[in-house]
Structure formats: structure tokens, C-alpha cells
């Protein structure tokens, strides 16, 4: 319950302080290489009216947060308006501002981020992008199959296996990945940006309502319910995919996402034979 969550939050805060306190780690966005700085500033959304910055992470309820930002800014009437989310219009990105404006907001605004179990987030991205979205099947799927499957040249990109997807991730540089599977660390740089609050997907409504209260948003604004079409990643689904994937692939992948596991206090997935036999 709440006590467990307090302990988890304390672990997260201590781990971030310990890791980010090391001399080699960046201590501000201006210490980041240009490409990394561009990525994080492009993912920090600004509300000047309510003085907060939100680092959006794809596959961690970011569409609903963007919807809330649009309502707070008056661009959208209600969080329940049934519209396809436009991820660019009517949103203010920190990266579009001048250096002194960026520094002021980083120093003075309330900053928050929402995180999710890294393996769950990857599985959610895989099922959504390669199972449902033609643009991703054509842009990434065709190339993945061609690269990792014998005689895969005829694929339309809609039959990428989870193992092929993981092999693709292993060969990609984290900083050049698509945002839907880029590690959260690289997207939001929690050492260079000192977040005031780290919410989690596992406690989405409670944490979101805490943030809304903290930034003093109008009382009629609440975090939207999940869309009816949304297919959550269940424990059974995760078990199925992990246990039907080569253990070596998963172990290698964990090192690529290790900062997401350690900084945000997520346990490494159980892929023992005993667990998979259940």
C-alpha cells in the first residue's frame, strides 16, 4: 500500500542522488552533448500558466498528459473530447525557447516525469507499433525482418517477432532510437534535470492526481480514463513473451536499459526456468 510506495519512492530518490552525484554524470542540460540536450528539451513540455515542466515518455500515458496540457492552455474543451491526439500542435516545447528562457524554467518551475517498467514499456511499444500501425510496419518492420530473417525480403513489416525486435534494439545506439523504445534515461536525463516528482505507470491515477493538485490545476480537471480500445500488458502477457524469447537476448537487452531499472527501482525480469514452467 502507501507504505510500500513511500519506501519505493525513497529508494528511487536515494539511487538517483547516488548515481547522479558522481562526477562523470551531467549536472545540467548545458553539460550534455548537443544531441542529448536536443532530445531532452524536445521532450519537456511547458505550462507557463501553471509553471511546470513535464517530460513526456511515449508508452507511459503521455497522450493523456498532453490532453491535460491542452485543456489547461484552453486549446481543448475537455479531457474527454474524442479526438485523435495531435502530438505537436497546441503544445509548448522547452526546446523551442531561448537559452535564458530554458534556464529560468528549469530552475523555477515544478518538474515531473512518469516512468514504467522498462520491459513492459518495450512490449507495449512492440504490440502497438508493429501490430496496429502501418507507418511503423513500413518504416521499421520491413527493415527489421529484412535484417534478421533469412529470405525476409517479402515481408510487409507486420509480422515482426518479439525476438527480432529485441535484436534490432541491441544493434541500435540508445541515443538514436525512436522515442517509443528509447530508454527513459536518454529521453528525460534525470541527472541533468532535477525532477521534483517521479510518478509511475503502476500508480497512474493517484500520482497524476497528486501532480494536478500540486500545480493547482482547476478542480474540474482529472486524469482521463484509459481509452476503451487500449490493450494493457498483463502479467500473463509479459510472462508469455519473456518465456518464449531466448534468455541470452533478454540478458543482453537488460544492460541497455539498466539505468531505467536501477534509477527508477524496477526489478529485473524473472526469466528462470522455474518461473517459465509455471
Protein backbone atom coordinates (compact mmCIF):
# COMPACT_ATOMS: atom_id res chain seq x y z
CA UNK A 1 0.00 0.00 0.00
CA UNK A 2 1.05 3.56 0.72
CA UNK A 3 3.91 2.46 2.98
CA UNK A 4 5.39 0.28 0.24
CA UNK A 5 5.12 3.18 -2.14
CA UNK A 6 6.89 5.55 0.29
CA UNK A 7 9.73 3.04 0.58
CA UNK A 8 9.93 2.70 -3.20
CA UNK A 9 9.99 6.47 -3.66
CA UNK A 10 12.73 6.76 -1.04
CA UNK A 11 14.79 4.09 -2.85
CA UNK A 12 14.33 5.94 -6.16
CA UNK A 13 15.37 9.27 -4.68
CA UNK A 14 18.44 7.81 -2.94
CA UNK A 15 19.51 5.89 -6.06
CA UNK A 16 19.16 8.95 -8.30
CA UNK A 17 21.13 11.07 -5.81
CA UNK A 18 23.88 8.44 -5.60
CA UNK A 19 24.18 7.79 -9.34
CA UNK A 20 23.73 11.40 -10.42
CA UNK A 21 26.12 12.65 -7.75
CA UNK A 22 29.06 11.00 -9.49
CA UNK A 23 31.49 13.39 -11.12
CA UNK A 24 31.15 11.85 -14.59
CA UNK A 25 27.38 12.39 -14.73
CA UNK A 26 25.86 15.56 -16.25
CA UNK A 27 24.58 18.05 -13.69
CA UNK A 28 22.69 20.36 -16.04
CA UNK A 29 21.29 20.24 -19.57
CA UNK A 30 24.10 22.55 -20.70
CA UNK A 31 26.66 19.86 -19.82
CA UNK A 32 25.02 17.38 -22.19
CA UNK A 33 26.33 16.78 -25.72
CA UNK A 34 24.24 18.71 -28.28
CA UNK A 35 22.26 15.66 -29.49
CA UNK A 36 21.32 14.53 -25.97
CA UNK A 37 20.37 18.08 -24.99
CA UNK A 38 18.16 18.37 -28.09
CA UNK A 39 16.36 15.13 -27.17
CA UNK A 40 15.53 16.10 -23.60
CA UNK A 41 14.49 19.66 -24.48
CA UNK A 42 12.25 18.27 -27.22
CA UNK A 43 10.53 16.06 -24.61
CA UNK A 44 10.00 18.72 -21.96
CA UNK A 45 6.54 20.25 -22.32
CA UNK A 46 5.89 23.66 -20.77
CA UNK A 47 2.93 25.16 -18.96
CA UNK A 48 3.77 28.80 -18.26
CA UNK A 49 0.33 29.41 -16.78
CA UNK A 50 0.78 26.70 -14.13
CA UNK A 51 4.60 26.92 -14.02
CA UNK A 52 5.52 23.30 -14.62
CA UNK A 53 7.62 21.18 -16.98
CA UNK A 54 6.59 17.65 -17.88
CA UNK A 55 8.98 15.25 -19.61
CA UNK A 56 6.81 13.03 -21.74
CA UNK A 57 7.73 9.38 -22.21
CA UNK A 58 5.92 7.52 -25.02
CA UNK A 59 4.05 4.43 -23.79
CA UNK A 60 3.69 5.92 -20.30
CA UNK A 61 0.28 7.62 -20.66
CA UNK A 62 1.82 10.65 -22.39
CA UNK A 63 -1.19 11.14 -24.71
CA UNK A 64 -3.42 11.76 -21.70
CA UNK A 65 -0.94 14.19 -20.18
CA UNK A 66 -0.74 16.08 -23.47
CA UNK A 67 -4.54 16.21 -23.48
CA UNK A 68 -4.45 17.75 -19.99
CA UNK A 69 -1.87 20.34 -21.09
CA UNK A 70 -4.13 21.35 -23.98
CA UNK A 71 -7.11 21.73 -21.63
CA UNK A 72 -5.04 23.79 -19.16
CA UNK A 73 -3.97 26.05 -22.03
CA UNK A 74 -7.54 26.43 -23.33
CA UNK A 75 -6.83 24.69 -26.65
CA UNK A 76 -9.13 21.78 -25.78
CA UNK A 77 -12.50 21.97 -24.06
CA UNK A 78 -12.29 18.78 -22.00
CA UNK A 79 -10.03 15.77 -21.43
CA UNK A 80 -12.90 13.59 -22.64
CA UNK A 81 -13.13 15.12 -26.13
CA UNK A 82 -12.96 12.20 -28.56
CA UNK A 83 -10.23 13.38 -30.91
CA UNK A 84 -7.19 11.66 -32.35
CA UNK A 85 -4.27 13.09 -30.40
CA UNK A 86 -2.13 15.58 -32.32
CA UNK A 87 1.23 15.27 -30.58
CA UNK A 88 2.64 18.58 -31.85
CA UNK A 89 0.00 21.32 -32.17
CA UNK A 90 -1.10 23.47 -29.21
CA UNK A 91 1.83 22.24 -27.10
CA UNK A 92 4.82 24.29 -25.97
CA UNK A 93 8.21 22.55 -26.03
CA UNK A 94 11.11 23.79 -23.93
CA UNK A 95 13.44 23.19 -26.89
CA UNK A 96 11.72 25.97 -28.86
CA UNK A 97 12.80 28.59 -26.32
CA UNK A 98 15.94 30.71 -25.96
CA UNK A 99 18.74 29.54 -23.61
CA UNK A 100 17.92 32.10 -20.88
CA UNK A 101 14.20 31.18 -21.04
CA UNK A 102 15.11 27.49 -20.80
CA UNK A 103 17.39 28.05 -17.79
CA UNK A 104 14.77 30.14 -15.98
CA UNK A 105 12.10 27.47 -16.34
CA UNK A 106 14.42 24.63 -15.39
CA UNK A 107 15.36 26.49 -12.23
CA UNK A 108 11.95 27.82 -11.19
CA UNK A 109 9.23 25.51 -12.50
CA UNK A 110 7.87 22.30 -10.95
CA UNK A 111 9.29 19.39 -12.94
CA UNK A 112 7.83 15.90 -13.19
CA UNK A 113 8.10 12.70 -15.17
CA UNK A 114 6.18 9.40 -15.31
CA UNK A 115 8.06 6.09 -15.60
CA UNK A 116 7.16 2.46 -16.32
CA UNK A 117 8.72 -0.98 -16.00
CA UNK A 118 11.18 -0.99 -18.95
CA UNK A 119 10.27 -4.45 -20.27
CA UNK A 120 6.54 -3.73 -20.07
CA UNK A 121 7.07 -0.46 -21.92
CA UNK A 122 9.02 -2.22 -24.69
CA UNK A 123 6.37 -4.91 -25.05
CA UNK A 124 3.64 -2.27 -25.19
CA UNK A 125 5.55 -0.41 -27.93
CA UNK A 126 6.14 -3.64 -29.87
CA UNK A 127 2.49 -4.76 -29.80
CA UNK A 128 1.15 -1.30 -30.62
CA UNK A 129 3.56 -0.20 -33.34
CA UNK A 130 4.06 -3.49 -35.19
CA UNK A 131 0.62 -4.94 -34.53
CA UNK A 132 -1.51 -1.91 -35.34
CA UNK A 133 0.30 0.95 -37.08
CA UNK A 134 1.11 0.68 -40.78
CA UNK A 135 3.55 3.61 -40.74
CA UNK A 136 5.78 1.78 -38.22
CA UNK A 137 5.43 -1.54 -40.03
CA UNK A 138 6.66 0.08 -43.24
CA UNK A 139 9.33 2.33 -41.72
CA UNK A 140 10.83 -0.10 -39.17
CA UNK A 141 9.19 -3.51 -39.59
CA UNK A 142 10.26 -4.14 -43.19
CA UNK A 143 13.88 -3.28 -42.33
CA UNK A 144 13.91 -5.39 -39.14
CA UNK A 145 12.62 -8.51 -40.93
CA UNK A 146 14.99 -7.99 -43.85
CA UNK A 147 17.91 -7.66 -41.45
CA UNK A 148 17.22 -10.56 -39.08
CA UNK A 149 15.31 -13.18 -41.06
CA UNK A 150 16.53 -15.40 -43.85
CA UNK A 151 14.56 -14.62 -47.01
CA UNK A 152 12.71 -11.86 -45.18
CA UNK A 153 12.64 -9.53 -48.16
CA UNK A 154 8.93 -10.06 -48.93
CA UNK A 155 7.59 -9.03 -45.52
CA UNK A 156 5.18 -6.08 -45.25
CA UNK A 157 6.64 -5.40 -41.79
CA UNK A 158 3.50 -6.53 -39.96
CA UNK A 159 4.92 -9.87 -38.83
CA UNK A 160 8.00 -8.77 -36.84
CA UNK A 161 8.60 -11.23 -34.00
CA UNK A 162 9.41 -10.01 -30.49
CA UNK A 163 12.86 -11.63 -30.74
CA UNK A 164 13.59 -9.80 -33.99
CA UNK A 165 12.53 -6.55 -32.36
CA UNK A 166 14.87 -7.17 -29.41
CA UNK A 167 17.77 -7.99 -31.73
CA UNK A 168 17.11 -4.71 -33.52
CA UNK A 169 17.19 -2.83 -30.19
CA UNK A 170 20.52 -4.44 -29.29
CA UNK A 171 22.07 -3.19 -32.53
CA UNK A 172 20.71 0.34 -32.16
CA UNK A 173 22.52 3.16 -30.36
CA UNK A 174 20.34 4.23 -27.43
CA UNK A 175 20.64 7.91 -28.34
CA UNK A 176 19.48 7.34 -31.91
CA UNK A 177 16.48 5.15 -31.11
CA UNK A 178 12.88 6.02 -31.89
CA UNK A 179 11.34 7.71 -28.83
CA UNK A 180 8.87 4.85 -28.29
CA UNK A 181 11.69 2.50 -27.27
CA UNK A 182 14.49 4.88 -26.34
CA UNK A 183 15.44 4.38 -22.66
CA UNK A 184 13.69 6.83 -20.33
CA UNK A 185 17.11 7.91 -19.07
CA UNK A 186 18.07 9.14 -22.54
CA UNK A 187 14.70 10.79 -23.16
CA UNK A 188 14.46 12.75 -19.90
CA UNK A 189 18.04 12.87 -18.48
CA UNK A 190 17.15 12.65 -14.75
CA UNK A 191 20.70 13.60 -13.76
CA UNK A 192 20.79 16.79 -15.87
CA UNK A 193 17.21 17.77 -14.93
CA UNK A 194 16.33 17.60 -11.25
CA UNK A 195 12.74 16.36 -11.25
CA UNK A 196 10.57 17.29 -8.28
CA UNK A 197 8.34 14.27 -8.73
CA UNK A 198 8.64 10.87 -10.41
CA UNK A 199 5.25 9.30 -10.94
CA UNK A 200 4.77 5.71 -12.03
CA UNK A 201 2.52 3.98 -14.52
CA UNK A 202 1.66 1.42 -11.84
CA UNK A 203 0.02 4.16 -9.71
CA UNK A 204 -1.03 6.31 -12.60
CA UNK A 205 -4.27 7.85 -11.32
CA UNK A 206 -3.08 8.50 -7.77
CA UNK A 207 0.23 10.01 -8.91
CA UNK A 208 -1.38 12.04 -11.68
CA UNK A 209 -3.96 13.49 -9.30
CA UNK A 210 -1.17 14.35 -6.84
CA UNK A 211 0.63 16.32 -9.59
CA UNK A 212 -2.58 18.10 -10.69
CA UNK A 213 -3.19 19.15 -7.11
CA UNK A 214 0.43 20.20 -6.67
CA UNK A 215 0.37 22.51 -9.72
CA UNK A 216 -3.02 23.87 -8.60
CA UNK A 217 -4.89 22.93 -11.75
CA UNK A 218 -8.65 23.64 -11.78
CA UNK A 219 -10.62 21.09 -9.77
CA UNK A 220 -12.73 20.02 -12.78
CA UNK A 221 -9.63 18.60 -14.49
CA UNK A 222 -8.99 14.96 -13.69
CA UNK A 223 -6.75 12.41 -15.30
CA UNK A 224 -8.66 10.75 -18.19
CA UNK A 225 -9.76 7.12 -18.06
CA UNK A 226 -7.95 4.70 -20.36
CA UNK A 227 -9.45 4.52 -23.83
CA UNK A 228 -11.80 1.56 -24.32
CA UNK A 229 -9.67 0.20 -27.18
CA UNK A 230 -6.48 0.16 -25.07
CA UNK A 231 -4.98 -3.31 -24.59
CA UNK A 232 -2.94 -3.36 -21.36
CA UNK A 233 0.15 -5.51 -20.91
CA UNK A 234 -0.92 -8.06 -18.30
CA UNK A 235 1.41 -10.17 -16.14
CA UNK A 236 0.36 -13.21 -18.20
CA UNK A 237 1.19 -11.47 -21.50
CA UNK A 238 4.60 -10.41 -20.18
CA UNK A 239 5.26 -13.95 -18.90
CA UNK A 240 4.37 -15.39 -22.32
CA UNK A 241 6.67 -13.10 -24.31
CA UNK A 242 9.62 -13.27 -21.90
CA UNK A 243 9.48 -17.04 -21.56
CA UNK A 244 9.24 -17.59 -25.31
CA UNK A 245 12.29 -15.46 -26.06
CA UNK A 246 15.93 -16.56 -25.93
CA UNK A 247 17.25 -15.85 -22.45
CA UNK A 248 20.51 -14.56 -23.91
CA UNK A 249 18.65 -11.84 -25.84
CA UNK A 250 16.85 -10.60 -22.75
CA UNK A 251 20.01 -10.61 -20.62
CA UNK A 252 21.87 -8.58 -23.23
CA UNK A 253 18.99 -6.16 -23.53
CA UNK A 254 18.85 -5.52 -19.77
CA UNK A 255 22.29 -3.90 -19.84
CA UNK A 256 21.00 -1.41 -22.44
CA UNK A 257 18.12 -0.37 -20.15
CA UNK A 258 19.93 -0.86 -16.84
CA UNK A 259 19.71 2.81 -15.81
CA UNK A 260 15.92 2.69 -16.22
CA UNK A 261 15.75 -0.39 -13.99
CA UNK A 262 18.14 0.91 -11.33
CA UNK A 263 17.25 4.62 -11.14
CA UNK A 264 13.51 4.00 -11.06
CA UNK A 265 13.76 0.91 -8.81
CA UNK A 266 12.23 -1.70 -11.10
CA UNK A 267 13.16 -5.36 -10.52
CA UNK A 268 14.91 -7.17 -13.35
CA UNK A 269 12.51 -9.62 -15.05
CA UNK A 270 12.37 -13.17 -13.78
CA UNK A 271 13.33 -15.45 -16.67
CA UNK A 272 14.42 -18.50 -14.69
CA UNK A 273 13.37 -21.93 -15.97
CA UNK A 274 11.32 -22.45 -12.81
CA UNK A 275 9.34 -19.24 -13.37
CA UNK A 276 8.77 -20.03 -17.04
CA UNK A 277 7.50 -23.53 -16.30
CA UNK A 278 4.63 -22.11 -14.23
